[in-house]
């Protein structure tokens, strides 16, 4: 699956022990050169600023941070979802509001 500039593939799959599923986001999904495997390349992590920690993003970032490509057996893949890339706007998250004392402090300095 060749990628258009803003398309991301969300993948969920079983890792080696088949007890826990992992989720990752990649830009390229293609047949592997190894028989019976699918290759995932160009891993994507939404919050590069590290200003917020999303639990699934944090786990994925720790696990795949140094990964160039991953070859996964077909039978370990639960799904591959094609989505449009969305940038996280930190100002629009409801739980990241300015505290009242910060606002009043800023007003006094101006």
C-alpha atoms as a PDB file:
ATOM      1  CA  UNK A   1       0.000   0.000   0.000  1.00  0.00           C
ATOM      2  CA  UNK A   2       1.815   3.066  -1.196  1.00  0.00           C
ATOM      3  CA  UNK A   3       1.129   6.045   0.948  1.00  0.00           C
ATOM      4  CA  UNK A   4      -0.254   9.382  -0.023  1.00  0.00           C
ATOM      5  CA  UNK A   5       1.273  12.280   1.900  1.00  0.00           C
ATOM      6  CA  UNK A   6      -1.247  12.458   4.768  1.00  0.00           C
ATOM      7  CA  UNK A   7      -2.413   8.829   4.995  1.00  0.00           C
ATOM      8  CA  UNK A   8      -1.468   6.775   8.023  1.00  0.00           C
ATOM      9  CA  UNK A   9      -2.120   3.103   8.655  1.00  0.00           C
ATOM     10  CA  UNK A  10      -3.145   2.117  12.173  1.00  0.00           C
ATOM     11  CA  UNK A  11      -2.139  -1.469  12.770  1.00  0.00           C
ATOM     12  CA  UNK A  12      -3.015  -3.767  15.652  1.00  0.00           C
ATOM     13  CA  UNK A  13      -1.253  -7.085  15.969  1.00  0.00           C
ATOM     14  CA  UNK A  14      -0.105  -9.772  18.358  1.00  0.00           C
ATOM     15  CA  UNK A  15       3.539  -9.794  19.302  1.00  0.00           C
ATOM     16  CA  UNK A  16       5.604 -12.956  19.885  1.00  0.00           C
ATOM     17  CA  UNK A  17       3.872 -14.315  22.974  1.00  0.00           C
ATOM     18  CA  UNK A  18       0.383 -13.727  21.478  1.00  0.00           C
ATOM     19  CA  UNK A  19      -0.939 -12.615  24.868  1.00  0.00           C
ATOM     20  CA  UNK A  20      -0.802  -8.876  24.353  1.00  0.00           C
ATOM     21  CA  UNK A  21      -1.755  -6.810  21.336  1.00  0.00           C
ATOM     22  CA  UNK A  22       0.274  -3.851  20.142  1.00  0.00           C
ATOM     23  CA  UNK A  23      -0.869  -0.863  18.147  1.00  0.00           C
ATOM     24  CA  UNK A  24       1.297   1.293  15.934  1.00  0.00           C
ATOM     25  CA  UNK A  25       0.905   3.874  13.215  1.00  0.00           C
ATOM     26  CA  UNK A  26       2.956   3.697  10.046  1.00  0.00           C
ATOM     27  CA  UNK A  27       3.121   5.392   6.674  1.00  0.00           C
ATOM     28  CA  UNK A  28       4.007   2.298   4.620  1.00  0.00           C
ATOM     29  CA  UNK A  29       2.487  -1.204   4.644  1.00  0.00           C
ATOM     30  CA  UNK A  30       3.894  -3.588   2.048  1.00  0.00           C
ATOM     31  CA  UNK A  31       4.553  -7.276   1.430  1.00  0.00           C
ATOM     32  CA  UNK A  32       7.757  -8.374   3.101  1.00  0.00           C
ATOM     33  CA  UNK A  33      10.665  -9.949   1.263  1.00  0.00           C
ATOM     34  CA  UNK A  34      10.311 -12.758   3.832  1.00  0.00           C
ATOM     35  CA  UNK A  35       7.551 -15.250   2.896  1.00  0.00           C
ATOM     36  CA  UNK A  36       4.373 -15.043   4.998  1.00  0.00           C
ATOM     37  CA  UNK A  37       5.189 -11.649   6.533  1.00  0.00           C
ATOM     38  CA  UNK A  38       3.927  -8.078   6.118  1.00  0.00           C
ATOM     39  CA  UNK A  39       6.372  -5.186   6.397  1.00  0.00           C
ATOM     40  CA  UNK A  40       5.529  -1.982   8.291  1.00  0.00           C
ATOM     41  CA  UNK A  41       7.793   1.054   7.739  1.00  0.00           C
ATOM     42  CA  UNK A  42       7.986   4.746   8.694  1.00  0.00           C
ATOM     43  CA  UNK A  43       6.503   4.636  12.177  1.00  0.00           C
ATOM     44  CA  UNK A  44       4.508   7.742  13.141  1.00  0.00           C
ATOM     45  CA  UNK A  45       4.256   9.257  16.608  1.00  0.00           C
ATOM     46  CA  UNK A  46       1.635  12.001  17.000  1.00  0.00           C
ATOM     47  CA  UNK A  47       3.093  14.135  19.775  1.00  0.00           C
ATOM     48  CA  UNK A  48       6.717  14.843  18.902  1.00  0.00           C
ATOM     49  CA  UNK A  49       6.802  17.710  21.422  1.00  0.00           C
ATOM     50  CA  UNK A  50       6.298  15.362  24.419  1.00  0.00           C
ATOM     51  CA  UNK A  51       4.053  17.995  26.018  1.00  0.00           C
ATOM     52  CA  UNK A  52       1.319  15.447  26.627  1.00  0.00           C
ATOM     53  CA  UNK A  53       1.488  11.721  27.211  1.00  0.00           C
ATOM     54  CA  UNK A  54      -1.115   9.576  25.505  1.00  0.00           C
ATOM     55  CA  UNK A  55      -0.967   6.054  27.002  1.00  0.00           C
ATOM     56  CA  UNK A  56      -1.114   4.139  23.719  1.00  0.00           C
ATOM     57  CA  UNK A  57       1.209   6.638  22.050  1.00  0.00           C
ATOM     58  CA  UNK A  58       3.723   6.416  24.900  1.00  0.00           C
ATOM     59  CA  UNK A  59       3.828   2.618  24.777  1.00  0.00           C
ATOM     60  CA  UNK A  60       4.150   2.624  21.006  1.00  0.00           C
ATOM     61  CA  UNK A  61       6.843   5.300  21.073  1.00  0.00           C
ATOM     62  CA  UNK A  62       8.920   3.367  23.611  1.00  0.00           C
ATOM     63  CA  UNK A  63       8.558   0.088  21.726  1.00  0.00           C
ATOM     64  CA  UNK A  64       9.093   1.321  18.131  1.00  0.00           C
ATOM     65  CA  UNK A  65      11.223   4.446  18.586  1.00  0.00           C
ATOM     66  CA  UNK A  66      14.348   2.935  16.980  1.00  0.00           C
ATOM     67  CA  UNK A  67      12.529   0.584  14.576  1.00  0.00           C
ATOM     68  CA  UNK A  68      13.188   1.083  10.852  1.00  0.00           C
ATOM     69  CA  UNK A  69      10.902  -1.683   9.633  1.00  0.00           C
ATOM     70  CA  UNK A  70       8.947  -4.488  11.236  1.00  0.00           C
ATOM     71  CA  UNK A  71       8.057  -7.801   9.585  1.00  0.00           C
ATOM     72  CA  UNK A  72       4.949  -9.372  11.127  1.00  0.00           C
ATOM     73  CA  UNK A  73       3.331 -12.726  10.226  1.00  0.00           C
ATOM     74  CA  UNK A  74      -0.012 -12.363   8.425  1.00  0.00           C
ATOM     75  CA  UNK A  75      -1.802 -14.422  11.083  1.00  0.00           C
ATOM     76  CA  UNK A  76      -0.657 -12.033  13.876  1.00  0.00           C
ATOM     77  CA  UNK A  77      -2.355  -9.000  12.304  1.00  0.00           C
ATOM     78  CA  UNK A  78      -5.756  -8.138  13.764  1.00  0.00           C
ATOM     79  CA  UNK A  79      -6.466  -5.145  11.516  1.00  0.00           C
ATOM     80  CA  UNK A  80      -4.972  -2.431   9.357  1.00  0.00           C
ATOM     81  CA  UNK A  81      -6.952   0.803   9.292  1.00  0.00           C
ATOM     82  CA  UNK A  82      -6.261   3.551   6.753  1.00  0.00           C
ATOM     83  CA  UNK A  83      -6.826   7.028   8.249  1.00  0.00           C
ATOM     84  CA  UNK A  84      -5.997  10.640   7.477  1.00  0.00           C
ATOM     85  CA  UNK A  85      -3.196  12.125   9.558  1.00  0.00           C
ATOM     86  CA  UNK A  86      -4.415  14.501  12.248  1.00  0.00           C
ATOM     87  CA  UNK A  87      -2.140  16.950  14.003  1.00  0.00           C
ATOM     88  CA  UNK A  88      -2.737  17.338  17.734  1.00  0.00           C
ATOM     89  CA  UNK A  89      -3.598  20.902  18.681  1.00  0.00           C
ATOM     90  CA  UNK A  90      -2.632  21.133  22.338  1.00  0.00           C
ATOM     91  CA  UNK A  91      -4.711  24.294  22.805  1.00  0.00           C
ATOM     92  CA  UNK A  92      -7.934  22.436  21.965  1.00  0.00           C
ATOM     93  CA  UNK A  93      -7.560  19.636  24.489  1.00  0.00           C
ATOM     94  CA  UNK A  94     -10.150  20.152  27.262  1.00  0.00           C
ATOM     95  CA  UNK A  95      -7.881  19.087  30.113  1.00  0.00           C
ATOM     96  CA  UNK A  96      -5.095  21.542  29.217  1.00  0.00           C
ATOM     97  CA  UNK A  97      -6.599  24.840  30.323  1.00  0.00           C
ATOM     98  CA  UNK A  98      -4.742  27.683  31.998  1.00  0.00           C
ATOM     99  CA  UNK A  99      -5.109  27.762  35.733  1.00  0.00           C
ATOM    100  CA  UNK A 100      -6.839  30.876  37.146  1.00  0.00           C
ATOM    101  CA  UNK A 101      -3.729  31.977  39.067  1.00  0.00           C
ATOM    102  CA  UNK A 102      -1.619  31.763  35.899  1.00  0.00           C
ATOM    103  CA  UNK A 103      -4.063  34.005  34.068  1.00  0.00           C
ATOM    104  CA  UNK A 104      -4.102  36.605  36.855  1.00  0.00           C
ATOM    105  CA  UNK A 105      -0.294  36.559  37.070  1.00  0.00           C
ATOM    106  CA  UNK A 106      -0.055  37.184  33.341  1.00  0.00           C
ATOM    107  CA  UNK A 107      -2.543  40.077  33.625  1.00  0.00           C
ATOM    108  CA  UNK A 108      -0.447  41.730  36.331  1.00  0.00           C
ATOM    109  CA  UNK A 109       2.751  41.577  34.301  1.00  0.00           C
ATOM    110  CA  UNK A 110       1.232  43.370  31.299  1.00  0.00           C
END
